[in-house]
């Protein structure tokens, strides 16, 4: 049966036929698919937020390490005295 014949049969079936056409075409999704998608989006947002927090922590730690190393170097330079 060609596609046009199937479409004409389904569209003549009324509301149920139109629903079937929309469902097959991908314009209507089951509620479980939408809820699964929303759950996945929420999980991905939480993972992204955690990754951003880890990145911010890494930047803070790197900055603190740089400051400590600079203080060590400054102390060493002051202890050594002026360079001749």
N, C-alpha and C. Protein backbone atom coordinates (compact mmCIF):
# COMPACT_ATOMS: atom_id res chain seq x y z
N UNK A 1 0.86 -1.17 0.00
CA UNK A 1 0.00 0.00 0.00
C UNK A 1 0.90 1.24 0.00
N UNK A 2 0.74 2.14 -0.94
CA UNK A 2 1.57 3.34 -0.98
C UNK A 2 1.28 4.26 0.21
N UNK A 3 2.22 5.13 0.47
CA UNK A 3 2.10 6.05 1.60
C UNK A 3 0.89 6.97 1.47
N UNK A 4 0.62 7.44 0.28
CA UNK A 4 -0.52 8.34 0.09
C UNK A 4 -1.83 7.63 0.40
N UNK A 5 -1.92 6.36 0.07
CA UNK A 5 -3.14 5.60 0.37
C UNK A 5 -3.28 5.42 1.88
N UNK A 6 -2.16 5.15 2.55
CA UNK A 6 -2.20 5.00 4.00
C UNK A 6 -2.60 6.31 4.67
N UNK A 7 -2.06 7.42 4.18
CA UNK A 7 -2.42 8.73 4.73
C UNK A 7 -3.89 9.04 4.52
N UNK A 8 -4.41 8.70 3.37
CA UNK A 8 -5.83 8.98 3.11
C UNK A 8 -6.73 8.12 3.99
N UNK A 9 -6.34 6.87 4.23
CA UNK A 9 -7.13 5.99 5.11
C UNK A 9 -7.11 6.53 6.54
N UNK A 10 -5.91 6.91 7.02
CA UNK A 10 -5.80 7.41 8.39
C UNK A 10 -6.52 8.74 8.57
N UNK A 11 -6.42 9.62 7.58
CA UNK A 11 -7.08 10.91 7.72
C UNK A 11 -8.59 10.78 7.63
N UNK A 12 -9.08 9.77 6.92
CA UNK A 12 -10.53 9.57 6.86
C UNK A 12 -11.05 8.92 8.13
N UNK A 13 -10.14 8.42 8.98
CA UNK A 13 -10.56 7.79 10.23
C UNK A 13 -10.89 8.83 11.30
N UNK A 14 -10.72 10.10 11.01
CA UNK A 14 -11.09 11.15 11.95
C UNK A 14 -9.96 11.52 12.88
N UNK A 15 -10.31 11.83 14.11
CA UNK A 15 -9.35 12.31 15.10
C UNK A 15 -8.28 11.25 15.36
N UNK A 16 -8.68 9.99 15.47
CA UNK A 16 -7.70 8.93 15.72
C UNK A 16 -6.71 8.81 14.57
N UNK A 17 -7.18 8.97 13.37
CA UNK A 17 -6.29 8.90 12.21
C UNK A 17 -5.31 10.04 12.19
N UNK A 18 -5.80 11.25 12.50
CA UNK A 18 -4.91 12.42 12.54
C UNK A 18 -3.88 12.24 13.65
N UNK A 19 -4.33 11.72 14.80
CA UNK A 19 -3.40 11.44 15.89
C UNK A 19 -2.33 10.45 15.44
N UNK A 20 -2.72 9.39 14.74
CA UNK A 20 -1.76 8.40 14.26
C UNK A 20 -0.76 9.03 13.29
N UNK A 21 -1.24 9.90 12.41
CA UNK A 21 -0.34 10.56 11.46
C UNK A 21 0.67 11.43 12.22
N UNK A 22 0.21 12.20 13.19
CA UNK A 22 1.10 13.06 13.96
C UNK A 22 2.11 12.23 14.76
N UNK A 23 1.63 11.10 15.33
CA UNK A 23 2.51 10.24 16.13
C UNK A 23 3.60 9.62 15.26
N UNK A 24 3.22 9.12 14.11
CA UNK A 24 4.18 8.50 13.20
C UNK A 24 5.15 9.55 12.66
N UNK A 25 4.67 10.75 12.40
CA UNK A 25 5.51 11.82 11.88
C UNK A 25 6.46 12.37 12.96
N UNK A 26 6.24 12.03 14.22
CA UNK A 26 7.11 12.50 15.28
C UNK A 26 6.70 13.83 15.87
N UNK A 27 5.48 14.25 15.63
CA UNK A 27 5.01 15.52 16.17
C UNK A 27 4.37 15.36 17.54
N UNK A 28 4.03 14.13 17.91
CA UNK A 28 3.43 13.84 19.21
C UNK A 28 4.33 12.80 19.90
N UNK A 29 4.68 13.08 21.17
CA UNK A 29 5.55 12.18 21.91
C UNK A 29 4.80 11.63 23.12
N UNK A 30 5.10 10.40 23.52
CA UNK A 30 4.51 9.86 24.75
C UNK A 30 5.01 10.64 25.97
N UNK A 31 4.21 10.67 27.00
CA UNK A 31 4.54 11.43 28.20
C UNK A 31 5.83 10.91 28.84
N UNK A 32 6.07 9.61 28.79
CA UNK A 32 7.28 9.04 29.40
C UNK A 32 8.54 9.53 28.69
N UNK A 33 8.46 9.71 27.39
CA UNK A 33 9.61 10.21 26.64
C UNK A 33 9.95 11.62 27.09
N UNK A 34 8.94 12.45 27.25
CA UNK A 34 9.15 13.84 27.68
C UNK A 34 9.71 13.87 29.10
N UNK A 35 9.17 13.06 30.00
CA UNK A 35 9.67 13.06 31.37
C UNK A 35 11.10 12.52 31.43
N UNK A 36 11.42 11.50 30.63
CA UNK A 36 12.79 11.00 30.58
C UNK A 36 13.74 12.07 30.06
N UNK A 37 13.31 12.79 29.06
CA UNK A 37 14.13 13.86 28.49
C UNK A 37 14.35 14.96 29.52
N UNK A 38 13.30 15.34 30.24
CA UNK A 38 13.44 16.38 31.27
C UNK A 38 14.36 15.93 32.39
N UNK A 39 14.29 14.66 32.77
CA UNK A 39 15.17 14.11 33.80
C UNK A 39 16.62 14.14 33.33
N UNK A 40 16.84 13.76 32.09
CA UNK A 40 18.19 13.77 31.53
C UNK A 40 18.76 15.20 31.48
N UNK A 41 17.93 16.15 31.11
CA UNK A 41 18.36 17.55 31.07
C UNK A 41 18.73 18.03 32.46
N UNK A 42 17.93 17.68 33.46
CA UNK A 42 18.22 18.09 34.84
C UNK A 42 19.54 17.47 35.32
N UNK A 43 19.78 16.19 34.98
CA UNK A 43 21.03 15.54 35.36
C UNK A 43 22.22 16.21 34.69
N UNK A 44 22.08 16.55 33.42
CA UNK A 44 23.17 17.20 32.70
C UNK A 44 23.46 18.59 33.26
N UNK A 45 22.41 19.31 33.65
CA UNK A 45 22.62 20.63 34.25
C UNK A 45 23.34 20.51 35.59
N UNK A 46 22.98 19.50 36.39
CA UNK A 46 23.66 19.28 37.67
C UNK A 46 25.12 18.92 37.45
N UNK A 47 25.39 18.07 36.46
CA UNK A 47 26.78 17.69 36.17
C UNK A 47 27.58 18.90 35.69
N UNK A 48 26.97 19.74 34.89
CA UNK A 48 27.65 20.95 34.41
C UNK A 48 27.96 21.89 35.56
N UNK A 49 27.03 22.05 36.48
CA UNK A 49 27.25 22.91 37.64
C UNK A 49 28.38 22.36 38.51
N UNK A 50 28.42 21.05 38.69
CA UNK A 50 29.50 20.44 39.48
C UNK A 50 30.84 20.63 38.78
N UNK A 51 30.86 20.52 37.48
CA UNK A 51 32.10 20.72 36.73
C UNK A 51 32.58 22.16 36.84
N UNK A 52 31.66 23.10 36.79
CA UNK A 52 32.02 24.51 36.97
C UNK A 52 32.58 24.77 38.36
N UNK A 53 31.97 24.14 39.38
CA UNK A 53 32.46 24.30 40.74
C UNK A 53 33.88 23.75 40.87
N UNK A 54 34.14 22.58 40.26
CA UNK A 54 35.49 22.01 40.30
C UNK A 54 36.48 22.91 39.59
N UNK A 55 36.08 23.48 38.48
CA UNK A 55 36.98 24.38 37.74
C UNK A 55 37.28 25.63 38.56
N UNK A 56 36.27 26.20 39.20
CA UNK A 56 36.49 27.38 40.04
C UNK A 56 37.40 27.07 41.21
N UNK A 57 37.24 25.89 41.79
CA UNK A 57 38.10 25.47 42.90
C UNK A 57 39.54 25.31 42.42
N UNK A 58 39.72 24.75 41.24
CA UNK A 58 41.07 24.57 40.70
C UNK A 58 41.74 25.93 40.46
N UNK A 59 40.99 26.89 39.98
CA UNK A 59 41.55 28.23 39.77
C UNK A 59 41.95 28.85 41.10
N UNK A 60 41.13 28.70 42.12
CA UNK A 60 41.44 29.25 43.44
C UNK A 60 42.70 28.59 44.01
N UNK A 61 42.80 27.28 43.87
CA UNK A 61 43.97 26.56 44.38
C UNK A 61 45.23 26.98 43.62
N UNK A 62 45.14 27.13 42.32
CA UNK A 62 46.29 27.56 41.53
C UNK A 62 46.73 28.96 41.93
N UNK A 63 45.79 29.83 42.18
CA UNK A 63 46.12 31.19 42.60
C UNK A 63 46.80 31.19 43.97
N UNK A 64 46.30 30.38 44.89
CA UNK A 64 46.90 30.29 46.22
C UNK A 64 48.31 29.72 46.12
N UNK A 65 48.50 28.71 45.28
CA UNK A 65 49.83 28.12 45.10
C UNK A 65 50.80 29.15 44.53
N UNK A 66 50.34 29.92 43.57
CA UNK A 66 51.18 30.96 42.99
C UNK A 66 51.59 31.98 44.05
N UNK A 67 50.64 32.38 44.89
CA UNK A 67 50.93 33.35 45.94
C UNK A 67 51.94 32.79 46.94
N UNK A 68 51.81 31.52 47.31
CA UNK A 68 52.73 30.90 48.26
C UNK A 68 54.13 30.83 47.66
N UNK A 69 54.21 30.40 46.40
CA UNK A 69 55.53 30.32 45.75
C UNK A 69 56.16 31.70 45.61
N UNK A 70 55.37 32.71 45.32
CA UNK A 70 55.90 34.07 45.23
C UNK A 70 56.40 34.54 46.58
N UNK A 71 55.71 34.19 47.65
CA UNK A 71 56.16 34.57 49.00
C UNK A 71 57.47 33.87 49.34
N UNK A 72 57.59 32.57 48.99
CA UNK A 72 58.85 31.86 49.22
C UNK A 72 60.00 32.52 48.48
N UNK A 73 59.75 32.86 47.22
CA UNK A 73 60.79 33.47 46.41
C UNK A 73 61.18 34.83 46.97
N UNK A 74 60.20 35.60 47.39
CA UNK A 74 60.47 36.92 47.97
C UNK A 74 61.29 36.78 49.25
N UNK A 75 60.94 35.81 50.09
CA UNK A 75 61.68 35.57 51.32
C UNK A 75 63.10 35.13 51.02
N UNK A 76 63.28 34.28 50.05
CA UNK A 76 64.61 33.83 49.66
C UNK A 76 65.44 34.99 49.13
N UNK A 77 64.82 35.83 48.32
CA UNK A 77 65.53 36.98 47.74
C UNK A 77 65.94 37.98 48.83
N UNK A 78 65.08 38.20 49.81
CA UNK A 78 65.39 39.14 50.88
C UNK A 78 66.49 38.58 51.78
N UNK A 79 66.51 37.26 52.00
CA UNK A 79 67.52 36.62 52.85
C UNK A 79 68.89 36.66 52.17
N UNK A 80 68.90 36.53 50.84
CA UNK A 80 70.16 36.50 50.10
C UNK A 80 70.80 37.88 50.04
N UNK A 81 70.02 38.90 50.20
CA UNK A 81 70.55 40.26 50.14
C UNK A 81 70.57 40.78 48.71
N UNK A 82 71.10 41.98 48.54
CA UNK A 82 71.12 42.57 47.21
C UNK A 82 72.06 41.82 46.26
N UNK A 83 71.70 41.82 45.02
CA UNK A 83 72.50 41.14 44.01
C UNK A 83 73.62 42.08 43.59
N UNK A 84 74.91 41.60 43.62
CA UNK A 84 76.03 42.50 43.27
C UNK A 84 76.08 42.85 41.81
